[in-house]
């Protein structure tokens, strides 16, 4: 178990609203995430900030997160680092702003990643053929992390979808090209037609240098997928109960790893 795999799994768990309170209340996860804010691997750093951004969606979590030892100082340090990409510093600034906001300003729930102070971003929803299991999702994650301009992404495995937040000048074809590079996955863009119905638009993996010249429908908003609550709960339990060497659940294993990872 390495740092990137742990924080990536934790980010996936945090993407499910019903898991957010449990993660923050766990004695090992939140302190471990603060430690990861000083990690030298930029992919680990970005995934950590994405996780914190998910956790901050639950207003109940904000006081605990804000008061966690080292949280605000670490975010300030990231914001001041010149060598980091704008994607990372913008996300750190957004998390810092949410945690610092007065309680009165938190009453209106923000939409995840769409209320960023940086307006130079858009969301692209992809339908990914071949996104059948955790291994394939890992391949997709690795491919997307290599694309310059990708800020964050979340998966809806049941519908084989991935919502990707990217800089406004990044064409969707760049994402398709990266995903096609896995040789086992293929992406199409999910858009809405004039009637408001969702359709799948093919993307050329060879036209990544510039956006397509044809008129495209508006990008889908980044919204939570409508699912049966029982199915969502079952999915959360199955992902959170992976056993490690016969011990406790995956969250316990992750917390143990985080609490022991003071140095890298």
Protein backbone atom coordinates (compact mmCIF):
# COMPACT_ATOMS: atom_id res chain seq x y z
CA UNK A 1 0.00 0.00 0.00
CA UNK A 2 1.59 3.28 -1.12
CA UNK A 3 0.64 6.91 -0.49
CA UNK A 4 -0.99 7.55 -3.87
CA UNK A 5 -3.15 4.42 -3.79
CA UNK A 6 -4.28 5.14 -0.22
CA UNK A 7 -5.26 8.74 -0.83
CA UNK A 8 -6.91 7.84 -4.16
CA UNK A 9 -9.08 5.22 -2.47
CA UNK A 10 -9.87 7.63 0.33
CA UNK A 11 -10.85 10.26 -2.25
CA UNK A 12 -13.23 7.76 -3.87
CA UNK A 13 -14.81 6.99 -0.50
CA UNK A 14 -15.12 10.73 0.23
CA UNK A 15 -16.94 11.22 -3.08
CA UNK A 16 -19.88 9.35 -1.52
CA UNK A 17 -21.75 11.81 0.76
CA UNK A 18 -22.65 9.13 3.32
CA UNK A 19 -18.95 8.43 4.02
CA UNK A 20 -17.77 11.98 4.70
CA UNK A 21 -18.64 12.27 8.38
CA UNK A 22 -17.09 8.88 9.16
CA UNK A 23 -13.80 9.80 7.48
CA UNK A 24 -13.47 13.09 9.35
CA UNK A 25 -14.39 11.55 12.69
CA UNK A 26 -11.87 8.73 12.27
CA UNK A 27 -8.86 9.33 14.52
CA UNK A 28 -6.31 8.50 11.83
CA UNK A 29 -7.63 9.69 8.47
CA UNK A 30 -7.84 13.46 8.94
CA UNK A 31 -4.42 13.83 10.63
CA UNK A 32 -2.98 11.63 7.88
CA UNK A 33 -4.46 13.83 5.16
CA UNK A 34 -2.86 16.86 6.78
CA UNK A 35 0.49 15.07 6.64
CA UNK A 36 -0.06 14.35 2.96
CA UNK A 37 -0.37 18.10 2.34
CA UNK A 38 3.42 18.20 2.73
CA UNK A 39 4.02 15.27 0.39
CA UNK A 40 6.61 15.79 -2.36
CA UNK A 41 4.61 13.84 -4.97
CA UNK A 42 2.34 16.35 -6.73
CA UNK A 43 -0.18 13.64 -7.64
CA UNK A 44 -0.54 12.72 -3.96
CA UNK A 45 -0.91 16.39 -3.10
CA UNK A 46 -3.64 16.94 -5.68
CA UNK A 47 -5.56 13.82 -4.64
CA UNK A 48 -5.33 14.92 -0.98
CA UNK A 49 -6.79 18.33 -1.79
CA UNK A 50 -9.57 16.70 -3.80
CA UNK A 51 -10.38 14.51 -0.80
CA UNK A 52 -10.48 17.49 1.54
CA UNK A 53 -12.71 19.34 -0.90
CA UNK A 54 -15.17 16.46 -0.85
CA UNK A 55 -15.10 16.27 2.95
CA UNK A 56 -15.75 20.02 3.23
CA UNK A 57 -19.01 19.53 1.31
CA UNK A 58 -20.55 18.43 4.62
CA UNK A 59 -20.81 21.60 6.67
CA UNK A 60 -20.80 19.55 9.88
CA UNK A 61 -17.19 18.55 9.05
CA UNK A 62 -15.83 22.06 8.59
CA UNK A 63 -15.13 23.03 12.25
CA UNK A 64 -13.29 19.75 12.86
CA UNK A 65 -11.27 20.12 9.66
CA UNK A 66 -10.42 23.76 10.34
CA UNK A 67 -9.24 22.98 13.87
CA UNK A 68 -7.17 19.95 12.89
CA UNK A 69 -3.56 20.62 13.85
CA UNK A 70 -1.57 21.85 10.86
CA UNK A 71 -4.50 22.01 8.41
CA UNK A 72 -4.70 25.75 7.75
CA UNK A 73 -0.94 26.28 7.95
CA UNK A 74 -0.32 23.53 5.41
CA UNK A 75 -2.91 25.00 3.03
CA UNK A 76 -1.27 28.42 3.35
CA UNK A 77 2.12 26.89 2.56
CA UNK A 78 0.74 25.25 -0.59
CA UNK A 79 -0.82 28.52 -1.74
CA UNK A 80 2.56 30.22 -1.38
CA UNK A 81 4.60 27.61 -3.30
CA UNK A 82 5.58 28.95 -6.71
CA UNK A 83 6.71 25.62 -8.16
CA UNK A 84 3.25 24.02 -7.93
CA UNK A 85 0.78 24.03 -10.80
CA UNK A 86 -2.16 26.42 -10.80
CA UNK A 87 -4.48 23.41 -10.50
CA UNK A 88 -3.05 22.56 -7.09
CA UNK A 89 -2.76 26.09 -5.71
CA UNK A 90 -6.26 27.02 -6.89
CA UNK A 91 -7.73 23.97 -5.18
CA UNK A 92 -5.80 24.66 -1.98
CA UNK A 93 -7.08 28.23 -2.06
CA UNK A 94 -10.64 26.99 -2.49
CA UNK A 95 -10.42 24.54 0.42
CA UNK A 96 -8.85 27.25 2.59
CA UNK A 97 -11.62 29.69 1.68
CA UNK A 98 -14.36 27.20 2.55
CA UNK A 99 -12.81 26.29 5.90
CA UNK A 100 -12.25 29.96 6.74
CA UNK A 101 -15.73 31.16 5.79
CA UNK A 102 -18.03 32.32 8.61
CA UNK A 103 -20.69 29.80 9.59
CA UNK A 104 -23.42 32.05 8.21
CA UNK A 105 -21.84 31.92 4.76
CA UNK A 106 -21.82 28.11 4.78
CA UNK A 107 -25.59 27.69 5.04
CA UNK A 108 -25.99 27.67 1.28
CA UNK A 109 -24.36 24.44 0.18
CA UNK A 110 -21.82 25.02 -2.60
CA UNK A 111 -21.78 22.73 -5.63
CA UNK A 112 -18.65 20.62 -5.61
CA UNK A 113 -15.82 22.12 -7.63
CA UNK A 114 -18.11 24.47 -9.59
CA UNK A 115 -17.91 27.45 -7.24
CA UNK A 116 -14.14 27.73 -7.47
CA UNK A 117 -12.59 31.16 -7.35
CA UNK A 118 -10.95 30.20 -10.63
CA UNK A 119 -13.46 30.65 -13.46
CA UNK A 120 -11.10 29.12 -16.01
CA UNK A 121 -12.51 25.64 -15.66
CA UNK A 122 -15.19 23.43 -17.14
CA UNK A 123 -16.61 19.98 -16.47
CA UNK A 124 -16.64 17.18 -19.03
CA UNK A 125 -18.70 14.04 -18.43
CA UNK A 126 -17.38 10.92 -20.17
CA UNK A 127 -18.90 7.52 -20.77
CA UNK A 128 -16.00 5.07 -20.68
CA UNK A 129 -16.42 1.74 -22.41
CA UNK A 130 -14.49 -0.94 -20.54
CA UNK A 131 -14.75 0.72 -17.11
CA UNK A 132 -15.80 -2.54 -15.52
CA UNK A 133 -13.76 -2.95 -12.34
CA UNK A 134 -11.31 -1.37 -9.92
CA UNK A 135 -8.28 -2.30 -12.03
CA UNK A 136 -9.72 -0.58 -15.10
CA UNK A 137 -10.57 2.46 -13.00
CA UNK A 138 -6.96 2.55 -11.83
CA UNK A 139 -5.77 2.57 -15.45
CA UNK A 140 -8.14 5.43 -16.20
CA UNK A 141 -6.94 7.40 -13.16
CA UNK A 142 -3.32 7.01 -14.22
CA UNK A 143 -4.13 8.18 -17.74
CA UNK A 144 -6.06 11.25 -16.59
CA UNK A 145 -3.41 12.25 -14.06
CA UNK A 146 -0.91 12.55 -16.91
CA UNK A 147 -3.04 15.11 -18.79
CA UNK A 148 -1.90 18.63 -18.08
CA UNK A 149 -4.94 20.74 -17.23
CA UNK A 150 -6.97 18.07 -15.43
CA UNK A 151 -8.00 19.44 -12.04
CA UNK A 152 -10.15 16.67 -10.60
CA UNK A 153 -12.27 13.69 -11.55
CA UNK A 154 -14.88 11.45 -9.99
CA UNK A 155 -16.23 8.08 -11.12
CA UNK A 156 -19.75 6.66 -11.25
CA UNK A 157 -18.85 3.03 -11.80
CA UNK A 158 -22.42 1.78 -12.13
CA UNK A 159 -22.99 3.90 -15.24
CA UNK A 160 -19.37 3.72 -16.47
CA UNK A 161 -19.04 7.49 -16.25
CA UNK A 162 -16.29 9.85 -15.19
CA UNK A 163 -16.84 13.56 -14.56
CA UNK A 164 -13.61 15.48 -15.19
CA UNK A 165 -12.99 19.08 -14.20
CA UNK A 166 -10.44 20.64 -16.52
CA UNK A 167 -9.05 24.02 -17.46
CA UNK A 168 -11.27 25.78 -19.98
CA UNK A 169 -8.69 25.58 -22.78
CA UNK A 170 -8.30 21.78 -22.60
CA UNK A 171 -10.26 20.00 -25.35
CA UNK A 172 -12.25 16.90 -24.51
CA UNK A 173 -10.30 15.10 -27.24
CA UNK A 174 -7.21 15.28 -25.02
CA UNK A 175 -9.01 13.22 -22.40
CA UNK A 176 -10.17 10.73 -25.01
CA UNK A 177 -6.63 10.40 -26.34
CA UNK A 178 -5.20 9.72 -22.88
CA UNK A 179 -7.89 7.14 -22.10
CA UNK A 180 -7.44 5.45 -25.49
CA UNK A 181 -3.76 5.13 -24.62
CA UNK A 182 -4.69 2.45 -22.05
CA UNK A 183 -5.61 0.22 -25.05
CA UNK A 184 -8.51 -1.25 -23.10
CA UNK A 185 -10.72 1.82 -22.55
CA UNK A 186 -12.58 4.11 -24.93
CA UNK A 187 -14.32 7.39 -24.03
CA UNK A 188 -17.30 9.24 -25.45
CA UNK A 189 -18.58 12.58 -24.20
CA UNK A 190 -21.99 12.74 -22.50
CA UNK A 191 -23.88 15.82 -23.68
CA UNK A 192 -27.47 17.02 -23.81
CA UNK A 193 -29.24 17.61 -27.10
CA UNK A 194 -31.79 20.34 -27.83
CA UNK A 195 -34.53 18.29 -26.19
CA UNK A 196 -32.53 17.95 -22.99
CA UNK A 197 -31.86 14.25 -23.50
CA UNK A 198 -28.42 12.79 -22.86
CA UNK A 199 -26.53 11.52 -25.89
CA UNK A 200 -23.04 10.07 -26.39
CA UNK A 201 -20.74 12.04 -28.70
CA UNK A 202 -17.72 10.24 -30.17
CA UNK A 203 -14.37 11.94 -29.55
CA UNK A 204 -11.39 11.63 -31.86
CA UNK A 205 -8.33 10.57 -29.93
CA UNK A 206 -6.15 12.08 -32.69
CA UNK A 207 -7.46 15.63 -32.44
CA UNK A 208 -6.15 16.44 -28.98
CA UNK A 209 -4.17 19.52 -30.03
CA UNK A 210 -7.20 21.75 -30.47
CA UNK A 211 -10.93 21.71 -29.67
CA UNK A 212 -13.29 20.45 -32.33
CA UNK A 213 -14.60 23.17 -34.60
CA UNK A 214 -18.14 21.84 -34.71
CA UNK A 215 -20.73 23.37 -32.40
CA UNK A 216 -20.94 21.34 -29.20
CA UNK A 217 -23.84 21.30 -26.71
CA UNK A 218 -23.27 22.68 -23.23
CA UNK A 219 -21.23 20.57 -20.85
CA UNK A 220 -23.20 18.68 -18.28
CA UNK A 221 -23.19 20.15 -14.77
CA UNK A 222 -21.31 18.14 -12.19
CA UNK A 223 -24.14 16.70 -10.19
CA UNK A 224 -24.67 13.61 -8.12
CA UNK A 225 -26.02 10.65 -10.04
CA UNK A 226 -29.55 9.63 -9.16
CA UNK A 227 -29.32 6.17 -7.67
CA UNK A 228 -31.39 3.96 -5.46
CA UNK A 229 -30.33 4.82 -1.86
CA UNK A 230 -30.07 1.11 -1.00
CA UNK A 231 -27.70 0.50 -3.94
CA UNK A 232 -25.55 3.49 -2.97
CA UNK A 233 -25.33 2.28 0.61
CA UNK A 234 -24.42 -1.21 -0.55
CA UNK A 235 -21.69 0.18 -2.80
CA UNK A 236 -20.23 2.20 0.03
CA UNK A 237 -20.19 -0.81 2.32
CA UNK A 238 -18.55 -3.06 -0.26
CA UNK A 239 -15.80 -0.54 -0.96
CA UNK A 240 -15.27 0.25 2.69
CA UNK A 241 -15.07 -3.30 3.95
CA UNK A 242 -12.12 -4.65 1.98
CA UNK A 243 -10.07 -6.77 4.38
CA UNK A 244 -6.38 -6.27 4.92
CA UNK A 245 -4.64 -9.43 6.16
CA UNK A 246 -7.73 -10.50 8.07
CA UNK A 247 -7.90 -7.27 10.07
CA UNK A 248 -10.47 -4.50 10.09
CA UNK A 249 -12.06 -2.74 7.13
CA UNK A 250 -10.26 -0.83 4.43
CA UNK A 251 -10.80 2.47 6.24
CA UNK A 252 -9.06 1.08 9.33
CA UNK A 253 -6.15 -0.08 7.16
CA UNK A 254 -5.92 3.30 5.49
CA UNK A 255 -6.04 5.11 8.82
CA UNK A 256 -3.25 2.90 10.13
CA UNK A 257 -1.14 3.62 7.07
CA UNK A 258 -1.78 7.35 7.33
CA UNK A 259 -0.98 7.53 11.03
CA UNK A 260 2.36 5.76 10.49
CA UNK A 261 3.38 7.75 7.41
CA UNK A 262 5.05 10.74 9.00
CA UNK A 263 8.04 10.60 6.67
CA UNK A 264 8.50 9.64 3.02
